[in-house]
Amino acid sequence: MTMDGTLCAMDKRSLTQVASRFREAEVRAEILRQELAVAIRQADADGVTQKDICEATGYTRQQVRRIVKAGDGEDAEAVAPE
């Protein structure tokens, strides 16, 4: 793979490296998703309006409601964006 992101010849080693980077990015994304859910719950507790939370995060009102509700003891999977 070149610096501009275009693919060149792909061998097993190169493919393994790209797959590894992808898995690492998935882990980082999951950590950040959880951090964002905590921040959304805190914003809700601090009185930030649902409209403002939606504008700041890009989530729908339903997604925000699920995240806030999940913090009240509901299934943690409810925090995953749709």
Protein backbone atom coordinates (compact mmCIF):
# COMPACT_ATOMS: atom_id res chain seq x y z
CA MET A 1 0.00 0.00 0.00
CA THR A 2 1.34 3.44 -0.85
CA MET A 3 1.19 6.57 1.27
CA ASP A 4 -1.81 7.91 -0.67
CA GLY A 5 -3.79 4.79 0.16
CA THR A 6 -3.77 3.15 -3.26
CA LEU A 7 -3.12 -0.55 -3.35
CA CYS A 8 -0.11 -2.10 -5.04
CA ALA A 9 0.83 -5.75 -5.15
CA MET A 10 -0.53 -7.47 -2.06
CA ASP A 11 1.29 -10.42 -0.55
CA LYS A 12 0.39 -12.39 2.58
CA ARG A 13 2.66 -10.29 4.84
CA SER A 14 1.19 -7.03 3.57
CA LEU A 15 -2.35 -8.34 3.90
CA THR A 16 -1.61 -9.47 7.47
CA GLN A 17 -0.31 -6.00 8.33
CA VAL A 18 -3.40 -4.28 6.92
CA ALA A 19 -5.70 -6.72 8.72
CA SER A 20 -3.81 -6.12 11.97
CA ARG A 21 -4.13 -2.35 11.61
CA PHE A 22 -7.84 -2.80 10.95
CA ARG A 23 -8.31 -4.90 14.11
CA GLU A 24 -6.41 -2.32 16.16
CA ALA A 25 -8.68 0.40 14.76
CA GLU A 26 -11.73 -1.65 15.72
CA VAL A 27 -10.47 -1.88 19.31
CA ARG A 28 -9.80 1.87 19.43
CA ALA A 29 -13.25 2.58 17.97
CA GLU A 30 -14.91 0.42 20.62
CA ILE A 31 -13.05 2.21 23.41
CA LEU A 32 -14.03 5.59 21.97
CA ARG A 33 -17.66 4.45 21.53
CA GLN A 34 -17.79 3.55 25.21
CA GLU A 35 -16.17 6.87 26.19
CA LEU A 36 -18.71 8.73 24.08
CA ALA A 37 -21.58 6.84 25.72
CA VAL A 38 -20.27 7.86 29.16
CA ALA A 39 -19.97 11.47 27.99
CA ILE A 40 -23.52 11.41 26.61
CA ARG A 41 -24.86 10.09 29.92
CA GLN A 42 -22.92 12.75 31.81
CA ALA A 43 -24.20 15.48 29.50
CA ASP A 44 -27.75 14.23 30.07
CA ALA A 45 -27.20 14.22 33.83
CA ASP A 46 -25.79 17.74 33.62
CA GLY A 47 -28.94 18.95 31.89
CA VAL A 48 -27.69 19.26 28.30
CA THR A 49 -30.74 19.05 26.06
CA GLN A 50 -31.27 15.98 23.93
CA LYS A 51 -31.30 18.24 20.88
CA ASP A 52 -27.84 19.56 21.74
CA ILE A 53 -26.51 16.06 22.41
CA CYS A 54 -27.83 14.94 19.02
CA GLU A 55 -26.27 17.91 17.25
CA ALA A 56 -22.92 17.38 18.95
CA THR A 57 -22.74 13.63 18.32
CA GLY A 58 -24.64 13.13 15.09
CA TYR A 59 -26.76 10.49 16.83
CA THR A 60 -30.53 10.37 16.52
CA ARG A 61 -32.79 11.11 19.48
CA GLN A 62 -33.59 7.39 19.70
CA GLN A 63 -29.90 6.49 19.86
CA VAL A 64 -29.34 9.06 22.61
CA ARG A 65 -32.34 7.73 24.57
CA ARG A 66 -30.98 4.18 24.30
CA ILE A 67 -27.53 5.24 25.47
CA VAL A 68 -28.92 7.16 28.44
CA LYS A 69 -31.27 4.31 29.31
CA ALA A 70 -28.42 1.76 29.05
CA GLY A 71 -26.65 3.72 31.76
CA ASP A 72 -29.60 3.04 34.02
CA GLY A 73 -28.79 -0.68 34.04
CA GLU A 74 -30.23 -1.83 30.72
CA ASP A 75 -28.23 -4.04 28.34
CA ALA A 76 -24.93 -2.38 27.42
CA GLU A 77 -25.37 -3.41 23.78
CA ALA A 78 -28.05 -0.73 23.52
CA VAL A 79 -25.32 1.88 23.23
CA ALA A 80 -24.24 0.73 19.78
CA PRO A 81 -25.15 3.24 17.07
CA GLU A 82 -27.73 2.14 14.51
